[in-house]
Protein backbone atom coordinates (compact mmCIF):
# COMPACT_ATOMS: atom_id res chain seq x y z
CA MET A 1 85.55 -66.58 -35.55
CA THR A 2 83.95 -66.80 -32.12
CA GLN A 3 86.06 -67.65 -29.08
CA ASN A 4 84.65 -69.54 -26.14
CA VAL A 5 84.29 -67.28 -23.13
CA ARG A 6 87.02 -68.07 -20.65
CA ASP A 7 88.90 -66.42 -17.85
CA LEU A 8 92.06 -65.15 -19.51
CA GLU A 9 93.55 -64.22 -16.15
CA ALA A 10 93.50 -67.91 -15.21
CA ASP A 11 96.13 -68.49 -17.95
CA VAL A 12 98.52 -66.03 -16.27
CA ASP A 13 101.08 -67.53 -13.91
CA HIS A 14 101.76 -64.23 -12.13
CA VAL A 15 101.53 -60.47 -12.56
CA MET A 16 104.92 -59.01 -13.39
CA ILE A 17 103.92 -55.31 -13.52
CA ASP A 18 100.60 -54.12 -12.10
CA GLN A 19 98.42 -51.20 -13.21
CA ALA A 20 99.76 -48.76 -10.63
CA GLN A 21 103.38 -49.49 -11.58
CA LEU A 22 102.56 -49.08 -15.28
CA GLN A 23 100.84 -45.73 -14.82
CA ALA A 24 103.55 -44.35 -12.52
CA ARG A 25 106.35 -45.27 -14.94
CA ILE A 26 104.47 -43.94 -17.98
CA ALA A 27 104.02 -40.58 -16.19
CA GLU A 28 107.78 -40.47 -15.53
CA MET A 29 108.59 -41.28 -19.16
CA ALA A 30 106.15 -38.61 -20.38
CA GLN A 31 107.95 -36.01 -18.26
CA ALA A 32 111.32 -37.04 -19.71
CA ILE A 33 109.94 -36.90 -23.26
CA GLU A 34 108.45 -33.46 -22.65
CA ALA A 35 111.78 -32.19 -21.30
CA ASP A 36 113.73 -33.59 -24.27
CA PHE A 37 111.32 -32.16 -26.84
CA ALA A 38 110.63 -28.86 -25.01
CA ALA A 39 112.29 -26.76 -27.71
CA GLU A 40 110.52 -28.57 -30.54
CA GLU A 41 107.12 -27.50 -31.80
CA ASP A 42 106.50 -30.66 -33.77
CA LEU A 43 106.22 -34.17 -32.32
CA LEU A 44 104.79 -37.21 -34.07
CA LEU A 45 104.27 -40.42 -32.11
CA ILE A 46 104.31 -43.53 -34.29
CA CYS A 47 102.69 -46.51 -32.62
CA VAL A 48 103.89 -49.98 -33.56
CA LEU A 49 100.73 -52.05 -33.94
CA LYS A 50 99.14 -54.05 -32.61
CA GLY A 51 100.79 -54.41 -29.24
CA GLY A 52 101.69 -50.77 -28.68
CA TYR A 53 98.18 -49.33 -28.80
CA VAL A 54 97.46 -49.50 -25.04
CA PHE A 55 100.85 -48.00 -24.15
CA LEU A 56 100.39 -45.29 -26.79
CA SER A 57 96.98 -44.39 -25.41
CA ASP A 58 98.27 -43.91 -21.86
CA LEU A 59 101.49 -42.20 -22.97
CA SER A 60 99.57 -39.80 -25.23
CA ARG A 61 97.27 -38.81 -22.37
CA ALA A 62 100.27 -38.35 -20.04
CA LEU A 63 101.96 -35.95 -22.46
CA LYS A 64 100.86 -32.38 -21.86
CA ARG A 65 102.50 -30.99 -25.00
CA PRO A 66 100.79 -31.05 -28.41
CA HIS A 67 101.59 -34.08 -30.54
CA GLU A 68 100.21 -36.04 -33.45
CA LEU A 69 99.75 -39.78 -33.82
CA ASP A 70 100.25 -42.23 -36.64
CA PHE A 71 100.38 -46.01 -36.80
CA MET A 72 102.56 -48.61 -38.43
CA GLY A 73 101.96 -52.34 -38.52
CA VAL A 74 105.14 -54.40 -38.48
CA SER A 75 105.13 -58.16 -38.06
CA SER A 76 107.77 -60.72 -37.14
CA TYR A 77 105.89 -63.10 -34.82
CA GLY A 78 102.69 -64.42 -36.36
CA ALA A 79 101.27 -66.88 -33.80
CA LEU A 80 104.71 -67.78 -32.46
CA THR A 81 106.22 -67.01 -29.06
CA GLU A 82 109.55 -65.99 -30.62
CA SER A 83 110.34 -63.70 -33.52
CA SER A 84 110.61 -65.47 -36.86
CA GLY A 85 113.40 -63.09 -37.84
CA GLU A 86 111.50 -62.08 -41.00
CA VAL A 87 110.17 -58.55 -40.63
CA ARG A 88 107.55 -57.01 -42.87
CA ILE A 89 105.43 -53.89 -42.92
CA VAL A 90 101.77 -54.83 -42.90
CA MET A 91 100.44 -51.26 -42.57
CA ASP A 92 102.38 -48.12 -43.42
CA LEU A 93 102.11 -44.55 -42.15
CA LYS A 94 99.33 -42.30 -43.44
CA GLN A 95 101.55 -39.19 -43.63
CA PRO A 96 105.10 -38.25 -44.61
CA ILE A 97 107.64 -37.78 -41.80
CA ALA A 98 110.35 -35.79 -43.62
CA GLY A 99 111.52 -32.96 -41.40
CA ARG A 100 109.43 -34.08 -38.42
CA ASN A 101 110.44 -35.06 -34.89
CA VAL A 102 109.42 -38.69 -34.62
CA LEU A 103 109.06 -40.88 -31.54
CA ILE A 104 108.53 -44.60 -32.18
CA VAL A 105 106.23 -46.05 -29.48
CA GLU A 106 106.91 -49.76 -29.01
CA ASP A 107 105.38 -52.22 -26.56
CA ILE A 108 108.34 -54.59 -26.14
CA ILE A 109 111.83 -54.99 -27.54
CA ASP A 110 113.01 -58.57 -27.67
CA SER A 111 115.59 -59.51 -30.33
CA GLY A 112 115.67 -55.94 -31.68
CA ARG A 113 115.23 -57.10 -35.28
CA THR A 114 111.79 -55.57 -35.80
CA LEU A 115 112.75 -52.25 -34.28
CA ASP A 116 116.06 -52.14 -36.20
CA TYR A 117 114.20 -52.74 -39.46
CA MET A 118 111.59 -50.10 -38.62
CA ARG A 119 114.23 -47.58 -37.51
CA ARG A 120 116.22 -47.97 -40.74
CA ASN A 121 113.02 -47.71 -42.80
CA LEU A 122 111.93 -44.51 -41.06
CA LEU A 123 115.40 -42.90 -41.15
CA ALA A 124 115.34 -43.34 -44.95
CA ARG A 125 112.30 -41.02 -44.93
CA SER A 126 114.41 -38.11 -43.55
CA PRO A 127 112.82 -37.18 -40.22
CA ALA A 128 114.34 -34.21 -38.33
CA SER A 129 114.90 -36.58 -35.41
CA LEU A 130 114.01 -40.15 -34.53
CA ARG A 131 113.82 -41.50 -30.98
CA ILE A 132 112.42 -44.68 -29.50
CA VAL A 133 110.32 -45.32 -26.40
CA THR A 134 109.46 -48.83 -25.27
CA LEU A 135 107.39 -49.99 -22.36
CA LEU A 136 109.25 -53.28 -21.95
CA ASN A 137 112.81 -54.28 -22.76
CA LYS A 138 114.30 -57.78 -22.73
CA PRO A 139 118.05 -57.06 -22.91
CA SER A 140 118.97 -60.75 -22.52
CA ARG A 141 117.25 -61.55 -25.84
CA ARG A 142 118.90 -58.82 -27.91
CA ALA A 143 120.30 -60.07 -31.23
CA VAL A 144 120.52 -56.63 -32.88
CA ASP A 145 121.79 -53.62 -30.95
CA VAL A 146 119.22 -50.82 -31.14
CA GLN A 147 119.55 -47.57 -29.21
CA VAL A 148 116.43 -47.00 -27.13
CA ASP A 149 115.93 -43.52 -25.69
CA TYR A 150 113.25 -44.29 -23.09
CA ILE A 151 112.69 -47.65 -21.39
CA GLY A 152 109.79 -48.34 -19.07
CA PHE A 153 110.93 -51.63 -17.55
CA ASP A 154 113.76 -54.09 -18.16
CA ILE A 155 112.22 -57.53 -17.78
CA PRO A 156 113.56 -61.10 -17.68
CA ASP A 157 113.21 -63.55 -20.54
CA GLU A 158 109.66 -64.70 -19.82
CA PHE A 159 106.67 -64.75 -22.16
CA VAL A 160 104.49 -61.83 -21.13
CA VAL A 161 100.96 -60.82 -22.09
CA GLY A 162 98.50 -58.11 -21.19
CA TYR A 163 98.47 -54.35 -21.56
CA GLY A 164 98.39 -54.73 -25.35
CA LEU A 165 100.72 -57.74 -25.56
CA ASP A 166 99.17 -60.92 -26.89
CA PHE A 167 99.54 -64.58 -27.54
CA ALA A 168 97.59 -65.68 -30.63
CA GLU A 169 95.64 -62.37 -30.51
CA LEU A 170 94.37 -62.97 -26.95
CA TYR A 171 95.22 -61.36 -23.59
CA ARG A 172 95.75 -57.80 -24.94
CA ASN A 173 92.91 -56.51 -22.75
CA LEU A 174 94.43 -57.57 -19.42
CA PRO A 175 95.16 -54.40 -17.40
CA PHE A 176 98.62 -55.58 -16.27
CA VAL A 177 101.71 -57.26 -17.69
CA GLY A 178 101.69 -60.90 -16.67
CA VAL A 179 103.69 -64.05 -17.35
CA LEU A 180 101.73 -66.59 -19.36
CA LYS A 181 101.66 -70.15 -18.00
CA PRO A 182 103.95 -72.33 -20.19
CA GLU A 183 101.25 -74.94 -20.74
CA VAL A 184 99.15 -72.32 -22.55
CA PHE A 185 101.69 -71.78 -25.33
CA SER A 186 103.71 -75.02 -25.35
CA ASP A 187 101.16 -77.21 -27.16
């Protein structure tokens, strides 16, 4: 399907977190992760697709210690602006995680349902440890309490796009986190 060329930035009401803020905070989180895993030889980062891929890329480059990557596709949104509440795995890991130190890399935590489901699923696979890092956290939207070990930014309850986050598969390529104009998604 071909999309008409349009200025995606024109659909953004305002930039919430710019590139410089993103990179500075990711560097800080990488240092904290390195300190916490300093005694561990093994570290596997599991990216939650699709939204987490940009964050994973920058976080992976910011980490100086050796680590491996894997990917998991989990869906609860579809083309909606709010979670449907039904979570399903659409792509599973390529390798076993038993006995490994695992860090889930998430783009945004909203209700917590998707992350809770994923956490329980991965714990059943017997990792040595399981921690969670998220770039964005919406604590006001939390329906399920999930412990998050590293949080980039707490944000208000606004619909954000960019830096991997999408609406209807668009806007992921914007280099910042911005608030989408309501008229774009309220049709």
